[in-house]
Amino acid sequence: MGRRIERPAGARTEVNNMTVADTVTEAPSGEVSEALTAASAETGGISAAFAAASAEMIERVRPSVVQVHSEGRGGGAGVIWRSDGAIVTNNHVVEHAGGTIQVVLTDGRSLEAKVVKTARSLDLALLQVEAQDLPAAPVADSSNLRVGELVFAVGHPWGQKHVATAGIVAAHGTVDPPGSGRSAHYVRTDARLAPGNSGGPLVDAHGAVVGINAMIFGGDQGVAIPSHVVESWLAAEPSRRVYLGVEVRPIELPPSPRDERRRPRAAGLLVGTVHADGPANRAGLLAGDVLLEVDGQRLDGTDTLIETLSQVHPRDTVRLHVLRRDTVLAIDVEVAEPIQNS
């Protein structure tokens, strides 16, 4: 795991229903701010000191920021989280990869990466490459970030390598990602992002990662997944896999359906095969049914179904909302352990 950087804790308050840090607490003394003070005393120029200190810090960060190329999706960035080849990026950078995923290091090496796990609701993906002694990024505790604190975004916008932009923390709280049904924490910053920044780090004045850049908000602000959320997700033990017993594929629903439940949806999962010995067959699912929801999660792709099922255990019951002809049915399915093939 990346080297851990401890940050001073700040008081917290509520602003517009979002949890943000109290801005009256004393600012931390990061490497950039310390260098500013020293250089300013020698040269009398705080602008020159800031430029020199921030440039040196970004140079130290760059080796930990990789390019991620996936067939069918273009490119993004990623952060070397552990020296053994574990790399964190955004789920949307790799979720529709049509072939191999390549990770390009600053030393020019291009390595094939495997997707270890993903979380669509958090927009996170963990990749693994076959390499050792990689330059892992230092990681800070983002739960202590404060509004107004200086941050930097590093990525590869529009194919340009290792572009850095600076800004401040504008807010942090929670947001409900479309189709996820659960809240996700975020950090909002005015450090400018563009396509190609996705999956790259948001770093503080120490040069430590405090977030994974994910999206552009409102046209001029970026949203990042906080590093403490990333750490918790990586540390969580995977649930035992369960077996539903269907083969599905995404489809688009008709543009003007009758049923009220279908109106906000544009897609579902068409059931092509129902396994005779599986839980879905025992619950009454049929080939030709269209899965709309599982436990309240809208199903606009197979990844949502897989993620939801990964959080339950054998003998748990999940509720499926299913479109059968012109009727939406609620069907409870008791999931089982996967059938072991000899």
Protein backbone atom coordinates (compact mmCIF):
# COMPACT_ATOMS: atom_id res chain seq x y z
CA MET A 1 0.00 0.00 0.00
CA GLY A 2 1.14 3.57 -0.59
CA ARG A 3 3.15 5.22 2.19
CA ARG A 4 0.73 6.67 4.72
CA ILE A 5 0.94 10.40 5.49
CA GLU A 6 -0.74 11.57 8.69
CA ARG A 7 -2.66 14.83 8.47
CA PRO A 8 -3.81 17.08 11.35
CA ALA A 9 -7.50 16.70 12.12
CA GLY A 10 -9.82 19.68 11.67
CA ALA A 11 -13.24 20.48 13.08
CA ARG A 12 -16.27 19.66 10.91
CA THR A 13 -19.52 21.45 10.17
CA GLU A 14 -22.57 21.14 7.90
CA VAL A 15 -23.01 23.39 4.85
CA ASN A 16 -25.94 22.90 2.48
CA ASN A 17 -26.42 19.34 3.78
CA MET A 18 -22.83 18.45 2.87
CA THR A 19 -20.19 17.65 5.45
CA VAL A 20 -17.26 20.01 5.04
CA ALA A 21 -14.28 20.80 7.18
CA ASP A 22 -14.18 23.91 9.36
CA THR A 23 -12.04 26.53 7.62
CA VAL A 24 -10.99 28.37 10.78
CA THR A 25 -8.57 25.68 11.98
CA GLU A 26 -4.86 26.19 11.51
CA ALA A 27 -3.53 25.21 8.07
CA PRO A 28 -1.07 22.28 7.85
CA SER A 29 2.56 22.98 7.05
CA GLY A 30 3.18 20.93 3.91
CA GLU A 31 6.38 20.65 1.95
CA VAL A 32 5.25 23.32 -0.48
CA SER A 33 4.36 25.81 2.26
CA GLU A 34 7.63 25.14 4.12
CA ALA A 35 9.64 25.60 0.94
CA LEU A 36 7.73 28.79 0.24
CA THR A 37 8.79 30.30 3.55
CA ALA A 38 12.45 29.34 3.12
CA ALA A 39 12.73 30.40 -0.50
CA SER A 40 10.87 33.66 0.08
CA ALA A 41 13.34 34.66 2.78
CA GLU A 42 16.24 34.11 0.38
CA THR A 43 14.83 35.61 -2.81
CA GLY A 44 12.08 37.88 -1.57
CA GLY A 45 9.78 36.44 -4.25
CA ILE A 46 6.90 34.32 -3.02
CA SER A 47 5.72 33.67 -6.61
CA ALA A 48 9.08 32.23 -7.63
CA ALA A 49 9.23 30.20 -4.42
CA PHE A 50 5.76 28.78 -5.01
CA ALA A 51 6.58 27.85 -8.60
CA ALA A 52 9.84 26.13 -7.66
CA ALA A 53 8.41 24.25 -4.68
CA SER A 54 5.29 23.04 -6.48
CA ALA A 55 7.29 21.98 -9.56
CA GLU A 56 9.64 19.91 -7.41
CA MET A 57 6.70 18.29 -5.64
CA ILE A 58 5.00 17.36 -8.93
CA GLU A 59 8.27 15.84 -10.17
CA ARG A 60 8.24 13.54 -7.15
CA VAL A 61 4.60 12.57 -7.81
CA ARG A 62 4.94 11.83 -11.54
CA PRO A 63 6.54 8.34 -11.31
CA SER A 64 3.48 7.11 -9.38
CA VAL A 65 1.02 8.28 -12.07
CA VAL A 66 0.51 5.86 -14.97
CA GLN A 67 -1.39 5.94 -18.24
CA VAL A 68 -4.23 3.44 -18.61
CA HIS A 69 -5.25 2.40 -22.13
CA SER A 70 -8.25 0.14 -22.70
CA GLU A 71 -9.55 -1.00 -26.06
CA GLY A 72 -12.90 0.58 -26.82
CA ARG A 73 -12.62 3.25 -24.09
CA GLY A 74 -9.59 5.38 -24.94
CA GLY A 75 -7.32 6.34 -22.06
CA GLY A 76 -7.13 7.62 -18.55
CA ALA A 77 -4.75 7.71 -15.62
CA GLY A 78 -4.03 5.53 -12.63
CA VAL A 79 -2.11 5.66 -9.36
CA ILE A 80 0.44 3.07 -8.25
CA TRP A 81 -1.01 2.23 -4.83
CA ARG A 82 1.38 -0.54 -3.86
CA SER A 83 4.86 -1.36 -5.09
CA ASP A 84 3.78 -4.91 -5.99
CA GLY A 85 1.82 -3.69 -9.03
CA ALA A 86 -1.53 -2.68 -7.53
CA ILE A 87 -2.93 0.32 -9.41
CA VAL A 88 -6.10 2.30 -8.63
CA THR A 89 -8.10 4.04 -11.35
CA ASN A 90 -11.74 4.86 -12.15
CA ASN A 91 -14.21 2.12 -12.98
CA HIS A 92 -15.43 4.09 -16.00
CA VAL A 93 -11.92 4.02 -17.48
CA VAL A 94 -11.94 0.21 -17.77
CA GLU A 95 -15.53 -1.04 -17.41
CA HIS A 96 -16.25 -1.33 -21.15
CA ALA A 97 -12.78 -2.39 -22.22
CA GLY A 98 -13.15 -4.47 -25.35
CA GLY A 99 -9.79 -6.23 -25.02
CA THR A 100 -6.58 -5.92 -23.08
CA ILE A 101 -5.81 -3.09 -20.68
CA GLN A 102 -2.32 -1.62 -20.93
CA VAL A 103 -0.60 0.44 -18.24
CA VAL A 104 2.28 2.69 -19.33
CA LEU A 105 4.86 3.65 -16.69
CA THR A 106 7.01 6.79 -16.68
CA ASP A 107 10.05 4.67 -17.56
CA GLY A 108 8.38 3.74 -20.86
CA ARG A 109 7.36 0.18 -19.97
CA SER A 110 3.92 -0.94 -21.17
CA LEU A 111 2.42 -3.70 -19.01
CA GLU A 112 -0.78 -5.69 -19.43
CA ALA A 113 -3.12 -5.20 -16.48
CA LYS A 114 -5.81 -7.44 -15.01
CA VAL A 115 -8.93 -6.02 -13.35
CA VAL A 116 -8.93 -7.35 -9.78
CA LYS A 117 -12.15 -5.73 -8.60
CA THR A 118 -14.42 -2.80 -9.38
CA ALA A 119 -17.07 -0.68 -7.68
CA ARG A 120 -19.37 1.14 -10.03
CA SER A 121 -21.09 3.05 -7.21
CA LEU A 122 -17.70 4.46 -6.12
CA ASP A 123 -16.29 4.66 -9.67
CA LEU A 124 -13.21 2.74 -8.56
CA ALA A 125 -11.23 -0.09 -10.11
CA LEU A 126 -8.21 -2.00 -8.85
CA LEU A 127 -5.75 -3.21 -11.49
CA GLN A 128 -2.78 -5.53 -11.11
CA VAL A 129 0.34 -5.66 -13.28
CA GLU A 130 3.18 -8.17 -13.11
CA ALA A 131 5.90 -5.94 -11.67
CA GLN A 132 7.71 -5.35 -8.40
CA ASP A 133 9.37 -2.38 -6.72
CA LEU A 134 7.14 0.17 -8.45
CA PRO A 135 7.11 3.74 -7.04
CA ALA A 136 3.99 3.66 -4.88
CA ALA A 137 2.37 7.01 -4.14
CA PRO A 138 2.28 8.31 -0.56
CA VAL A 139 -1.33 8.43 0.67
CA ALA A 140 -2.80 10.93 3.14
CA ASP A 141 -5.99 10.73 5.21
CA SER A 142 -8.49 12.75 3.19
CA SER A 143 -11.01 12.81 6.03
CA ASN A 144 -9.00 15.75 7.43
CA LEU A 145 -9.07 17.81 4.22
CA ARG A 146 -10.41 21.34 4.74
CA VAL A 147 -12.21 23.70 2.42
CA GLY A 148 -9.69 26.19 0.99
CA GLU A 149 -6.75 23.79 1.20
CA LEU A 150 -4.33 23.76 -1.75
CA VAL A 151 -4.49 20.67 -4.00
CA PHE A 152 -3.03 19.56 -7.35
CA ALA A 153 -4.46 17.25 -10.03
CA VAL A 154 -2.10 15.16 -12.17
CA GLY A 155 -3.18 13.23 -15.26
CA HIS A 156 -3.02 12.90 -19.02
CA PRO A 157 -5.73 15.18 -20.48
CA TRP A 158 -6.23 14.92 -24.22
CA GLY A 159 -3.28 12.52 -24.40
CA GLN A 160 -0.74 14.97 -22.93
CA LYS A 161 1.39 13.18 -20.36
CA HIS A 162 1.59 14.26 -16.72
CA VAL A 163 -0.24 17.57 -16.91
CA ALA A 164 -0.65 19.23 -13.51
CA THR A 165 -3.28 21.77 -12.48
CA ALA A 166 -3.71 23.51 -9.13
CA GLY A 167 -6.74 24.59 -7.13
CA ILE A 168 -8.33 24.51 -3.72
CA VAL A 169 -10.79 22.20 -2.02
CA ALA A 170 -14.19 23.76 -2.72
CA ALA A 171 -16.38 21.31 -0.77
CA HIS A 172 -16.68 17.71 0.26
CA GLY A 173 -19.64 15.59 1.19
CA THR A 174 -21.75 12.90 -0.47
CA VAL A 175 -23.45 12.44 -3.81
CA ASP A 176 -25.85 9.80 -5.17
CA PRO A 177 -24.38 8.41 -8.41
CA PRO A 178 -27.05 7.74 -11.07
CA GLY A 179 -28.35 4.20 -10.87
CA SER A 180 -26.31 3.26 -7.82
CA GLY A 181 -28.95 3.66 -5.11
CA ARG A 182 -26.33 4.51 -2.48
CA SER A 183 -24.38 7.59 -1.48
CA ALA A 184 -20.71 8.08 -2.29
CA HIS A 185 -18.26 10.48 -0.69
CA TYR A 186 -16.52 13.04 -2.85
CA VAL A 187 -14.10 15.98 -2.77
CA ARG A 188 -14.90 18.91 -5.05
CA THR A 189 -12.08 21.12 -6.27
CA ASP A 190 -11.52 23.88 -8.82
CA ALA A 191 -8.32 22.22 -10.09
CA ARG A 192 -9.16 21.94 -13.80
CA LEU A 193 -9.82 18.45 -15.18
CA ALA A 194 -10.31 17.19 -18.74
CA PRO A 195 -10.77 13.78 -20.42
CA GLY A 196 -7.63 11.82 -19.57
CA ASN A 197 -7.50 13.04 -15.95
CA SER A 198 -9.88 10.28 -14.86
CA GLY A 199 -8.20 7.91 -12.43
CA GLY A 200 -5.29 10.25 -11.71
CA PRO A 201 -4.40 11.54 -8.26
CA LEU A 202 -5.49 14.63 -6.40
CA VAL A 203 -2.52 15.46 -4.15
CA ASP A 204 -2.06 17.86 -1.26
CA ALA A 205 0.79 20.28 -0.55
CA HIS A 206 2.84 17.38 0.84
CA GLY A 207 2.59 15.57 -2.51
CA ALA A 208 0.44 12.86 -0.89
CA VAL A 209 -2.66 11.44 -2.59
CA VAL A 210 -5.93 12.70 -1.07
CA GLY A 211 -8.26 11.57 -3.85
CA ILE A 212 -8.75 9.86 -7.22
CA ASN A 213 -10.04 12.31 -9.83
CA ALA A 214 -13.28 11.05 -11.33
CA MET A 215 -15.36 13.62 -13.17
CA ILE A 216 -16.04 17.25 -14.08
CA PHE A 217 -18.76 18.95 -12.05
CA GLY A 218 -20.72 21.92 -13.37
CA GLY A 219 -18.22 22.54 -16.16
CA ASP A 220 -15.50 24.14 -14.05
CA GLN A 221 -15.00 21.99 -10.95
CA GLY A 222 -13.67 18.47 -10.53
CA VAL A 223 -14.88 15.66 -8.31
CA ALA A 224 -12.51 13.16 -6.69
CA ILE A 225 -13.09 10.02 -4.62
CA PRO A 226 -11.41 10.67 -1.24
CA SER A 227 -8.35 8.58 -0.43
CA HIS A 228 -9.82 7.33 2.86
CA VAL A 229 -12.76 5.90 0.89
CA VAL A 230 -10.33 4.21 -1.50
CA GLU A 231 -8.38 2.72 1.41
CA SER A 232 -11.57 1.38 3.05
CA TRP A 233 -12.71 -0.15 -0.24
CA LEU A 234 -9.34 -1.82 -0.82
CA ALA A 235 -9.25 -3.18 2.74
CA ALA A 236 -12.77 -4.64 2.62
CA GLU A 237 -12.88 -8.41 2.38
CA PRO A 238 -14.66 -9.59 -0.74
CA SER A 239 -18.00 -11.28 -0.14
CA ARG A 240 -18.44 -14.89 -1.13
CA ARG A 241 -19.68 -15.15 -4.69
CA VAL A 242 -23.26 -16.29 -5.17
CA TYR A 243 -25.09 -17.97 -8.01
CA LEU A 244 -28.28 -16.62 -9.61
CA GLY A 245 -28.51 -19.07 -12.49
CA VAL A 246 -29.25 -16.84 -15.49
CA GLU A 247 -27.44 -15.63 -18.58
CA VAL A 248 -28.30 -12.05 -19.50
CA ARG A 249 -27.41 -9.27 -21.93
CA PRO A 250 -28.17 -5.51 -21.81
CA ILE A 251 -30.99 -4.20 -23.99
CA GLU A 252 -32.77 -0.89 -24.51
CA LEU A 253 -36.40 -0.70 -23.44
CA PRO A 254 -39.17 0.72 -25.67
CA PRO A 255 -39.32 4.54 -25.60
CA SER A 256 -42.94 4.78 -24.40
CA PRO A 257 -43.78 1.92 -22.04
CA ARG A 258 -47.07 1.76 -20.20
CA ASP A 259 -45.95 0.81 -16.76
CA GLU A 260 -44.96 3.62 -14.37
CA ARG A 261 -42.02 1.61 -13.01
CA ARG A 262 -40.39 1.54 -16.45
CA ARG A 263 -40.65 5.22 -17.30
CA PRO A 264 -37.34 6.45 -15.86
CA ARG A 265 -35.42 3.50 -17.34
CA ALA A 266 -33.75 3.27 -20.70
CA ALA A 267 -32.26 -0.22 -20.34
CA GLY A 268 -32.58 -3.59 -18.69
CA LEU A 269 -31.05 -7.08 -18.79
CA LEU A 270 -32.70 -9.60 -21.11
CA VAL A 271 -32.69 -13.13 -19.72
CA GLY A 272 -31.48 -15.46 -22.48
CA THR A 273 -31.03 -18.66 -20.48
CA VAL A 274 -32.35 -19.86 -17.13
CA HIS A 275 -30.32 -22.73 -15.69
CA ALA A 276 -32.56 -25.66 -14.83
CA ASP A 277 -30.84 -26.34 -11.50
CA GLY A 278 -30.40 -22.68 -10.48
CA PRO A 279 -32.09 -20.37 -7.96
CA ALA A 280 -33.68 -18.21 -10.68
CA ASN A 281 -35.50 -21.20 -12.17
CA ARG A 282 -36.77 -22.26 -8.75
CA ALA A 283 -38.09 -18.72 -8.20
CA GLY A 284 -39.96 -18.73 -11.51
CA LEU A 285 -37.84 -16.60 -13.86
CA LEU A 286 -38.29 -17.32 -17.55
CA ALA A 287 -36.19 -16.85 -20.65
CA GLY A 288 -37.37 -13.61 -22.27
CA ASP A 289 -37.91 -11.81 -18.96
CA VAL A 290 -36.18 -8.42 -18.64
CA LEU A 291 -34.51 -7.65 -15.32
CA LEU A 292 -35.16 -4.02 -14.29
CA GLU A 293 -33.96 -3.93 -10.67
CA VAL A 294 -32.18 -6.02 -8.09
CA ASP A 295 -32.73 -4.95 -4.47
CA GLY A 296 -33.70 -1.46 -5.63
CA GLN A 297 -30.70 -1.02 -7.94
CA ARG A 298 -31.57 -0.13 -11.51
CA LEU A 299 -30.00 -2.56 -13.94
CA ASP A 300 -28.64 -0.66 -16.93
CA GLY A 301 -25.66 -3.00 -17.23
CA THR A 302 -24.37 -6.36 -16.05
CA ASP A 303 -21.79 -4.70 -13.80
CA THR A 304 -24.56 -3.36 -11.52
CA LEU A 305 -26.01 -6.85 -11.15
CA ILE A 306 -22.59 -8.34 -10.42
CA GLU A 307 -21.72 -5.63 -7.88
CA THR A 308 -25.03 -6.01 -6.02
CA LEU A 309 -24.75 -9.80 -5.88
CA SER A 310 -21.18 -9.51 -4.60
CA GLN A 311 -22.56 -7.95 -1.42
CA VAL A 312 -24.87 -10.82 -0.48
CA HIS A 313 -24.21 -14.35 0.75
CA PRO A 314 -25.53 -17.81 -0.11
CA ARG A 315 -29.12 -18.33 1.11
CA ASP A 316 -29.75 -14.56 1.18
CA THR A 317 -32.86 -13.41 -0.69
CA VAL A 318 -32.71 -10.70 -3.36
CA ARG A 319 -35.75 -9.04 -4.90
CA LEU A 320 -35.85 -8.74 -8.67
CA HIS A 321 -38.24 -6.47 -10.55
CA VAL A 322 -38.85 -8.19 -13.85
CA LEU A 323 -40.65 -7.07 -17.01
CA ARG A 324 -42.68 -9.96 -18.47
CA ARG A 325 -44.59 -8.93 -21.56
CA ASP A 326 -46.40 -5.76 -20.36
CA THR A 327 -46.31 -6.51 -16.63
CA VAL A 328 -43.67 -5.76 -14.00
CA LEU A 329 -43.33 -8.53 -11.43
CA ALA A 330 -41.51 -8.61 -8.10
CA ILE A 331 -39.76 -11.96 -7.71
CA ASP A 332 -37.76 -12.99 -4.63
CA VAL A 333 -34.81 -15.27 -5.33
CA GLU A 334 -32.82 -17.14 -2.69
CA VAL A 335 -29.27 -17.11 -4.11
CA ALA A 336 -26.96 -20.08 -3.71
CA GLU A 337 -23.30 -20.96 -3.76
CA PRO A 338 -21.82 -21.36 -7.23
CA ILE A 339 -21.95 -24.89 -8.64
CA GLN A 340 -18.44 -26.36 -8.56
CA ASN A 341 -17.39 -28.01 -11.81
CA SER A 342 -15.01 -30.93 -11.45
